[in-house]
Amino acid sequence: MRKWKRIFHSKKRQIRRLLKIQLLKSEAGVTLVELLAAIAILGIVIALAGSVHIFGQRQFRSQTESANQANDLSHALTVMSTDLRRYPADEVKVEDNKISLVDEDDPIYYLENDKLMNQSSVMIDYVSSFTAKKTADRKGIHIKISVNSNEPGVEAKDYQTTIYFRAESPETTAGE
């Protein structure tokens, strides 16, 4: 009895050999023009993908810088508000956009070299202007801070707030 498996395998090998011979004799292939066109199209696709990626990176950097500025401004105004509300209105003086206590010579908050300072420590960098003035009723301070950035695509920001003093003045408590 003949083994059919061997015959089957040998026919399979013959078919493979014939296909290889046909492929080698075939003149079908890619011309130089087709190859250059494919490479050019691939180059255009890669350039477009690269420009989209670079645009995304720039947006990310500018939005991160903008968010950091907003966070710094918010934090600075919160610290100033918390700090200044501990004092009565008559103990805090504002002169030349510097906030200080009446009995102390050194200012608490002031602008120096484009930095908003809290005594000797830096609160915010890249401050273009810091304006502080007492309100008309002398019970608060109106503060305006303008911040710019050296990063391209980041707009300048202006934040302002009015801080009203919560602590009682000594003459108010003595009269009651």
C-alpha atoms as a PDB file:
ATOM      1  CA  MET A   1       0.000   0.000   0.000  1.00  0.00           C
ATOM      2  CA  ARG A   2       1.287   3.421  -0.893  1.00  0.00           C
ATOM      3  CA  LYS A   3       1.609   6.186   1.640  1.00  0.00           C
ATOM      4  CA  TRP A   4      -0.405   9.116   0.437  1.00  0.00           C
ATOM      5  CA  LYS A   5       1.287  11.616   2.733  1.00  0.00           C
ATOM      6  CA  ARG A   6       4.590  11.431   0.910  1.00  0.00           C
ATOM      7  CA  ILE A   7       2.948  11.985  -2.398  1.00  0.00           C
ATOM      8  CA  PHE A   8       1.033  14.915  -1.014  1.00  0.00           C
ATOM      9  CA  HIS A   9       4.161  16.535   0.409  1.00  0.00           C
ATOM     10  CA  SER A  10       6.151  16.031  -2.723  1.00  0.00           C
ATOM     11  CA  LYS A  11       3.428  17.652  -4.842  1.00  0.00           C
ATOM     12  CA  LYS A  12       3.377  20.572  -2.468  1.00  0.00           C
ATOM     13  CA  ARG A  13       7.120  21.011  -2.921  1.00  0.00           C
ATOM     14  CA  GLN A  14       6.796  20.875  -6.693  1.00  0.00           C
ATOM     15  CA  ILE A  15       4.137  23.566  -6.624  1.00  0.00           C
ATOM     16  CA  ARG A  16       6.329  25.803  -4.464  1.00  0.00           C
ATOM     17  CA  ARG A  17       9.290  25.361  -6.796  1.00  0.00           C
ATOM     18  CA  LEU A  18       7.154  26.233  -9.799  1.00  0.00           C
ATOM     19  CA  LEU A  19       5.866  29.378  -8.097  1.00  0.00           C
ATOM     20  CA  LYS A  20       9.401  30.479  -7.213  1.00  0.00           C
ATOM     21  CA  ILE A  21      10.564  29.938 -10.777  1.00  0.00           C
ATOM     22  CA  GLN A  22       7.592  31.905 -12.116  1.00  0.00           C
ATOM     23  CA  LEU A  23       8.311  34.789  -9.726  1.00  0.00           C
ATOM     24  CA  LEU A  24      11.956  34.888 -10.745  1.00  0.00           C
ATOM     25  CA  LYS A  25      11.101  34.886 -14.447  1.00  0.00           C
ATOM     26  CA  SER A  26       8.358  37.465 -13.979  1.00  0.00           C
ATOM     27  CA  GLU A  27       9.236  41.033 -14.925  1.00  0.00           C
ATOM     28  CA  ALA A  28       6.606  42.547 -12.633  1.00  0.00           C
ATOM     29  CA  GLY A  29       8.066  44.987 -10.109  1.00  0.00           C
ATOM     30  CA  VAL A  30       8.217  48.590  -9.007  1.00  0.00           C
ATOM     31  CA  THR A  31       9.618  51.188 -11.347  1.00  0.00           C
ATOM     32  CA  LEU A  32      11.885  53.956 -10.177  1.00  0.00           C
ATOM     33  CA  VAL A  33       9.155  56.557 -10.745  1.00  0.00           C
ATOM     34  CA  GLU A  34       6.703  54.597  -8.582  1.00  0.00           C
ATOM     35  CA  LEU A  35       9.314  54.250  -5.858  1.00  0.00           C
ATOM     36  CA  LEU A  36      10.086  57.988  -5.903  1.00  0.00           C
ATOM     37  CA  ALA A  37       6.375  58.855  -5.814  1.00  0.00           C
ATOM     38  CA  ALA A  38       5.832  56.578  -2.818  1.00  0.00           C
ATOM     39  CA  ILE A  39       8.811  58.093  -0.979  1.00  0.00           C
ATOM     40  CA  ALA A  40       7.574  61.633  -1.731  1.00  0.00           C
ATOM     41  CA  ILE A  41       4.077  60.858  -0.420  1.00  0.00           C
ATOM     42  CA  LEU A  42       5.563  59.244   2.679  1.00  0.00           C
ATOM     43  CA  GLY A  43       7.717  62.341   3.248  1.00  0.00           C
ATOM     44  CA  ILE A  44       4.678  64.636   3.017  1.00  0.00           C
ATOM     45  CA  VAL A  45       2.725  62.502   5.494  1.00  0.00           C
ATOM     46  CA  ILE A  46       5.643  62.481   7.952  1.00  0.00           C
ATOM     47  CA  ALA A  47       6.069  66.267   7.610  1.00  0.00           C
ATOM     48  CA  LEU A  48       2.372  66.848   8.335  1.00  0.00           C
ATOM     49  CA  ALA A  49       2.432  64.541  11.340  1.00  0.00           C
ATOM     50  CA  GLY A  50       5.574  66.264  12.630  1.00  0.00           C
ATOM     51  CA  SER A  51       4.071  69.742  12.315  1.00  0.00           C
ATOM     52  CA  VAL A  52       0.930  68.650  14.174  1.00  0.00           C
ATOM     53  CA  HIS A  53       3.112  67.206  16.939  1.00  0.00           C
ATOM     54  CA  ILE A  54       5.233  70.367  17.218  1.00  0.00           C
ATOM     55  CA  PHE A  55       2.095  72.543  17.313  1.00  0.00           C
ATOM     56  CA  GLY A  56       0.715  70.399  20.133  1.00  0.00           C
ATOM     57  CA  GLN A  57       3.956  70.705  22.097  1.00  0.00           C
ATOM     58  CA  ARG A  58       3.955  74.512  21.765  1.00  0.00           C
ATOM     59  CA  GLN A  59       0.336  74.710  22.870  1.00  0.00           C
ATOM     60  CA  PHE A  60       1.083  72.506  25.856  1.00  0.00           C
ATOM     61  CA  ARG A  61       4.028  74.662  26.931  1.00  0.00           C
ATOM     62  CA  SER A  62       2.143  77.955  26.574  1.00  0.00           C
ATOM     63  CA  GLN A  63      -0.940  76.642  28.382  1.00  0.00           C
ATOM     64  CA  THR A  64       1.217  75.229  31.172  1.00  0.00           C
ATOM     65  CA  GLU A  65       2.959  78.588  31.594  1.00  0.00           C
ATOM     66  CA  SER A  66      -0.384  80.400  31.546  1.00  0.00           C
ATOM     67  CA  ALA A  67      -1.836  78.054  34.167  1.00  0.00           C
ATOM     68  CA  ASN A  68       1.266  78.475  36.343  1.00  0.00           C
ATOM     69  CA  GLN A  69       0.906  82.261  36.156  1.00  0.00           C
ATOM     70  CA  ALA A  70      -2.758  82.098  37.118  1.00  0.00           C
ATOM     71  CA  ASN A  71      -1.923  79.755  39.989  1.00  0.00           C
ATOM     72  CA  ASP A  72       0.882  82.031  41.231  1.00  0.00           C
ATOM     73  CA  LEU A  73      -1.350  85.112  41.081  1.00  0.00           C
ATOM     74  CA  SER A  74      -4.191  83.387  42.872  1.00  0.00           C
ATOM     75  CA  HIS A  75      -1.858  82.099  45.572  1.00  0.00           C
ATOM     76  CA  ALA A  76      -0.232  85.514  46.054  1.00  0.00           C
ATOM     77  CA  LEU A  77      -3.575  87.290  46.398  1.00  0.00           C
ATOM     78  CA  THR A  78      -4.792  84.647  48.853  1.00  0.00           C
ATOM     79  CA  VAL A  79      -1.648  84.995  50.981  1.00  0.00           C
ATOM     80  CA  MET A  80      -1.911  88.792  50.906  1.00  0.00           C
ATOM     81  CA  SER A  81      -5.583  88.699  51.815  1.00  0.00           C
ATOM     82  CA  THR A  82      -5.053  86.290  54.704  1.00  0.00           C
ATOM     83  CA  ASP A  83      -2.053  88.230  55.991  1.00  0.00           C
ATOM     84  CA  LEU A  84      -3.495  91.743  55.732  1.00  0.00           C
ATOM     85  CA  ARG A  85      -6.875  90.880  57.245  1.00  0.00           C
ATOM     86  CA  ARG A  86      -5.163  90.078  60.541  1.00  0.00           C
ATOM     87  CA  TYR A  87      -4.450  93.770  61.099  1.00  0.00           C
ATOM     88  CA  PRO A  88      -6.835  96.651  61.781  1.00  0.00           C
ATOM     89  CA  ALA A  89      -7.232  99.167  58.946  1.00  0.00           C
ATOM     90  CA  ASP A  90      -5.346 101.926  60.771  1.00  0.00           C
ATOM     91  CA  GLU A  91      -2.241  99.730  61.284  1.00  0.00           C
ATOM     92  CA  VAL A  92      -1.666  99.172  57.553  1.00  0.00           C
ATOM     93  CA  LYS A  93      -0.305 101.952  55.360  1.00  0.00           C
ATOM     94  CA  VAL A  94       0.039 102.138  51.593  1.00  0.00           C
ATOM     95  CA  GLU A  95       2.635 104.492  50.103  1.00  0.00           C
ATOM     96  CA  ASP A  96       4.145 104.388  46.606  1.00  0.00           C
ATOM     97  CA  ASN A  97       2.487 101.026  45.861  1.00  0.00           C
ATOM     98  CA  LYS A  98       4.171  99.497  48.908  1.00  0.00           C
ATOM     99  CA  ILE A  99       2.124  97.945  51.677  1.00  0.00           C
ATOM    100  CA  SER A 100       3.614  98.126  55.163  1.00  0.00           C
ATOM    101  CA  LEU A 101       2.646  98.322  58.817  1.00  0.00           C
ATOM    102  CA  VAL A 102       2.529 101.717  60.515  1.00  0.00           C
ATOM    103  CA  ASP A 103       5.029 100.804  63.239  1.00  0.00           C
ATOM    104  CA  GLU A 104       7.553  99.159  60.841  1.00  0.00           C
ATOM    105  CA  ASP A 105       9.867 100.782  58.316  1.00  0.00           C
ATOM    106  CA  ASP A 106      10.250  97.869  55.898  1.00  0.00           C
ATOM    107  CA  PRO A 107       7.361  97.183  53.521  1.00  0.00           C
ATOM    108  CA  ILE A 108       5.520  93.859  53.648  1.00  0.00           C
ATOM    109  CA  TYR A 109       4.525  93.744  49.956  1.00  0.00           C
ATOM    110  CA  TYR A 110       6.320  95.630  47.188  1.00  0.00           C
ATOM    111  CA  LEU A 111       7.578  95.343  43.605  1.00  0.00           C
ATOM    112  CA  GLU A 112      11.328  94.928  43.038  1.00  0.00           C
ATOM    113  CA  ASN A 113      13.033  94.000  39.728  1.00  0.00           C
ATOM    114  CA  ASP A 114       9.828  92.628  38.152  1.00  0.00           C
ATOM    115  CA  LYS A 115       9.188  90.466  41.214  1.00  0.00           C
ATOM    116  CA  LEU A 116       6.423  90.828  43.780  1.00  0.00           C
ATOM    117  CA  MET A 117       8.126  90.530  47.139  1.00  0.00           C
ATOM    118  CA  ASN A 118       6.755  89.498  50.531  1.00  0.00           C
ATOM    119  CA  GLN A 119       9.302  91.103  52.854  1.00  0.00           C
ATOM    120  CA  SER A 120      12.477  89.505  51.431  1.00  0.00           C
ATOM    121  CA  SER A 121      11.012  86.473  49.626  1.00  0.00           C
ATOM    122  CA  VAL A 122       9.753  86.345  46.031  1.00  0.00           C
ATOM    123  CA  MET A 123       6.027  85.675  45.596  1.00  0.00           C
ATOM    124  CA  ILE A 124       5.654  86.086  41.804  1.00  0.00           C
ATOM    125  CA  ASP A 125       8.107  86.526  38.923  1.00  0.00           C
ATOM    126  CA  TYR A 126       7.579  88.573  35.731  1.00  0.00           C
ATOM    127  CA  VAL A 127       5.330  91.193  37.373  1.00  0.00           C
ATOM    128  CA  SER A 128       5.005  94.200  35.080  1.00  0.00           C
ATOM    129  CA  SER A 129       3.029  96.353  37.547  1.00  0.00           C
ATOM    130  CA  PHE A 130       1.832  96.265  41.135  1.00  0.00           C
ATOM    131  CA  THR A 131      -0.663  98.884  42.256  1.00  0.00           C
ATOM    132  CA  ALA A 132      -1.937  99.197  45.810  1.00  0.00           C
ATOM    133  CA  LYS A 133      -4.121 101.970  47.234  1.00  0.00           C
ATOM    134  CA  LYS A 134      -6.489 102.346  50.147  1.00  0.00           C
ATOM    135  CA  THR A 135     -10.203 102.372  49.394  1.00  0.00           C
ATOM    136  CA  ALA A 136     -12.201 105.601  49.713  1.00  0.00           C
ATOM    137  CA  ASP A 137     -13.626 104.574  53.091  1.00  0.00           C
ATOM    138  CA  ARG A 138     -10.093 103.601  54.279  1.00  0.00           C
ATOM    139  CA  LYS A 139     -11.367 100.167  55.391  1.00  0.00           C
ATOM    140  CA  GLY A 140      -9.647  98.201  52.656  1.00  0.00           C
ATOM    141  CA  ILE A 141      -6.893  98.054  50.063  1.00  0.00           C
ATOM    142  CA  HIS A 142      -7.437  97.772  46.311  1.00  0.00           C
ATOM    143  CA  ILE A 143      -4.649  95.699  44.712  1.00  0.00           C
ATOM    144  CA  LYS A 144      -3.948  95.246  41.005  1.00  0.00           C
ATOM    145  CA  ILE A 145      -1.184  92.963  39.678  1.00  0.00           C
ATOM    146  CA  SER A 146      -0.166  92.689  36.014  1.00  0.00           C
ATOM    147  CA  VAL A 147       1.981  89.745  34.959  1.00  0.00           C
ATOM    148  CA  ASN A 148       3.736  89.186  31.635  1.00  0.00           C
ATOM    149  CA  SER A 149       5.733  86.222  30.390  1.00  0.00           C
ATOM    150  CA  ASN A 150       8.821  85.653  28.297  1.00  0.00           C
ATOM    151  CA  GLU A 151       7.230  82.531  26.758  1.00  0.00           C
ATOM    152  CA  PRO A 152       5.809  83.068  23.249  1.00  0.00           C
ATOM    153  CA  GLY A 153       2.047  82.693  23.032  1.00  0.00           C
ATOM    154  CA  VAL A 154       1.370  83.497  26.697  1.00  0.00           C
ATOM    155  CA  GLU A 155      -0.727  86.610  27.160  1.00  0.00           C
ATOM    156  CA  ALA A 156      -0.251  89.123  29.959  1.00  0.00           C
ATOM    157  CA  LYS A 157      -2.670  88.775  32.846  1.00  0.00           C
ATOM    158  CA  ASP A 158      -4.231  91.409  35.084  1.00  0.00           C
ATOM    159  CA  TYR A 159      -5.647  90.399  38.455  1.00  0.00           C
ATOM    160  CA  GLN A 160      -7.229  92.753  40.915  1.00  0.00           C
ATOM    161  CA  THR A 161      -8.949  92.469  44.237  1.00  0.00           C
ATOM    162  CA  THR A 162     -10.086  94.572  47.151  1.00  0.00           C
ATOM    163  CA  ILE A 163      -9.128  93.364  50.594  1.00  0.00           C
ATOM    164  CA  TYR A 164     -11.297  94.612  53.466  1.00  0.00           C
ATOM    165  CA  PHE A 165      -9.860  94.479  56.961  1.00  0.00           C
ATOM    166  CA  ARG A 166     -11.682  92.267  59.472  1.00  0.00           C
ATOM    167  CA  ALA A 167      -9.723  93.104  62.596  1.00  0.00           C
ATOM    168  CA  GLU A 168     -11.270  95.784  64.792  1.00  0.00           C
ATOM    169  CA  SER A 169      -9.476  99.063  65.335  1.00  0.00           C
ATOM    170  CA  PRO A 170      -8.511  99.786  68.958  1.00  0.00           C
ATOM    171  CA  GLU A 171     -10.583 103.010  69.042  1.00  0.00           C
ATOM    172  CA  THR A 172     -13.677 101.161  67.748  1.00  0.00           C
ATOM    173  CA  THR A 173     -13.498  98.502  70.449  1.00  0.00           C
ATOM    174  CA  ALA A 174     -12.751 101.057  73.211  1.00  0.00           C
ATOM    175  CA  GLY A 175     -15.865 103.128  72.412  1.00  0.00           C
ATOM    176  CA  GLU A 176     -18.290 100.214  72.764  1.00  0.00           C
END
